[in-house]
Amino acid sequence: MPTEEQVRAVLRGITDPELGLNVVDLGLVYGIEVAGKRIRVRMTLTTSTCPFAATLPAQVEEALRAAFAGHEVEVVLVWEPRWTPERMSEDARRQFGTP
């Protein structure tokens, strides 16, 4: 059974094409649940009008299915709480000059 950290490591390989940072460091991943053969990721986007609203969650699902073959993968797109730059990792905030 994969660990939450292993799932997070796979997600770090998925980059938001507009911002050039991975979805974990951007703070787009709100939750990861691993139970048996099931992986569930709750994530958001920087805005509800993001042009990658259809493709980014699909990339997350595809990457997890490839990394953890035989596991059921569910990616849930949520809008609450709203994403803000404060959700970014410290490294990401430094890269964008955000305190």
Protein backbone atom coordinates (compact mmCIF):
# COMPACT_ATOMS: atom_id res chain seq x y z
CA MET A 1 0.00 0.00 0.00
CA PRO A 2 1.47 3.39 -0.94
CA THR A 3 2.02 5.95 1.76
CA GLU A 4 0.73 9.51 1.71
CA GLU A 5 4.32 10.70 1.22
CA GLN A 6 4.78 8.42 -1.81
CA VAL A 7 1.60 9.84 -3.33
CA ARG A 8 2.81 13.37 -2.57
CA ALA A 9 6.15 12.58 -4.28
CA VAL A 10 4.32 11.56 -7.46
CA LEU A 11 2.24 14.75 -7.32
CA ARG A 12 5.41 16.83 -7.09
CA GLY A 13 6.10 15.68 -10.64
CA ILE A 14 2.99 17.45 -11.95
CA THR A 15 3.59 21.07 -12.85
CA ASP A 16 1.04 23.83 -13.27
CA PRO A 17 1.82 24.97 -16.83
CA GLU A 18 1.01 28.62 -16.15
CA LEU A 19 3.10 29.02 -13.02
CA GLY A 20 5.82 26.43 -13.62
CA LEU A 21 5.61 24.94 -10.12
CA ASN A 22 4.39 21.56 -9.00
CA VAL A 23 0.89 21.19 -7.58
CA VAL A 24 2.15 20.28 -4.10
CA ASP A 25 4.40 23.32 -3.63
CA LEU A 26 1.69 25.55 -5.07
CA GLY A 27 -0.60 24.35 -2.28
CA LEU A 28 -3.19 22.94 -4.65
CA VAL A 29 -3.34 19.58 -2.88
CA TYR A 30 -5.72 19.84 0.05
CA GLY A 31 -5.75 16.23 1.14
CA ILE A 32 -4.50 12.73 0.38
CA GLU A 33 -6.21 9.60 1.66
CA VAL A 34 -4.82 6.12 1.13
CA ALA A 35 -6.90 3.17 2.23
CA GLY A 36 -6.13 -0.29 0.94
CA LYS A 37 -6.24 -0.15 -2.85
CA ARG A 38 -7.88 3.30 -2.91
CA ILE A 39 -6.15 6.68 -3.31
CA ARG A 40 -8.22 9.84 -3.00
CA VAL A 41 -6.80 13.30 -3.63
CA ARG A 42 -8.66 16.51 -2.85
CA MET A 43 -7.25 19.40 -4.81
CA THR A 44 -8.09 22.85 -6.09
CA LEU A 45 -6.86 25.25 -8.73
CA THR A 46 -5.57 28.78 -8.33
CA THR A 47 -8.83 30.14 -9.78
CA SER A 48 -12.13 28.67 -10.90
CA THR A 49 -11.48 30.12 -14.36
CA CYS A 50 -8.13 28.34 -14.70
CA PRO A 51 -7.69 27.29 -18.34
CA PHE A 52 -6.30 23.97 -17.12
CA ALA A 53 -9.34 23.08 -15.00
CA ALA A 54 -10.00 19.97 -17.05
CA THR A 55 -6.44 18.89 -17.71
CA LEU A 56 -4.61 19.35 -14.40
CA PRO A 57 -6.85 17.01 -12.33
CA ALA A 58 -6.70 14.50 -15.19
CA GLN A 59 -2.89 14.66 -15.12
CA VAL A 60 -2.95 14.00 -11.38
CA GLU A 61 -5.19 10.97 -11.87
CA GLU A 62 -3.12 9.63 -14.77
CA ALA A 63 0.18 10.00 -12.87
CA LEU A 64 -1.19 8.22 -9.81
CA ARG A 65 -2.68 5.38 -11.87
CA ALA A 66 0.68 4.91 -13.60
CA ALA A 67 2.67 5.01 -10.35
CA PHE A 68 0.30 2.79 -8.37
CA ALA A 69 -1.08 0.31 -10.89
CA GLY A 70 -4.04 -1.65 -9.61
CA HIS A 71 -5.17 1.06 -7.22
CA GLU A 72 -8.45 2.90 -7.53
CA VAL A 73 -7.72 6.62 -7.93
CA GLU A 74 -10.18 9.41 -7.28
CA VAL A 75 -9.34 13.09 -7.77
CA VAL A 76 -11.87 15.47 -6.29
CA LEU A 77 -11.74 19.11 -7.37
CA VAL A 78 -12.84 21.41 -4.55
CA TRP A 79 -13.25 25.17 -4.31
CA GLU A 80 -13.53 25.61 -0.53
CA PRO A 81 -11.45 26.77 1.08
CA ARG A 82 -10.41 29.11 -1.69
CA TRP A 83 -6.77 28.90 -2.78
CA THR A 84 -4.53 31.79 -1.73
CA PRO A 85 -0.77 32.33 -2.15
CA GLU A 86 -0.34 31.60 1.57
CA ARG A 87 -0.98 27.93 0.73
CA MET A 88 2.27 27.75 -1.26
CA SER A 89 5.35 26.15 0.25
CA GLU A 90 8.00 28.46 1.63
CA ASP A 91 10.24 27.75 -1.38
CA ALA A 92 7.42 28.56 -3.81
CA ARG A 93 6.63 31.82 -2.01
CA ARG A 94 10.30 32.82 -2.18
CA GLN A 95 10.39 32.05 -5.90
CA PHE A 96 7.42 34.38 -6.46
CA GLY A 97 8.60 36.98 -3.98
CA THR A 98 5.57 36.42 -1.74
CA PRO A 99 6.14 36.64 2.02
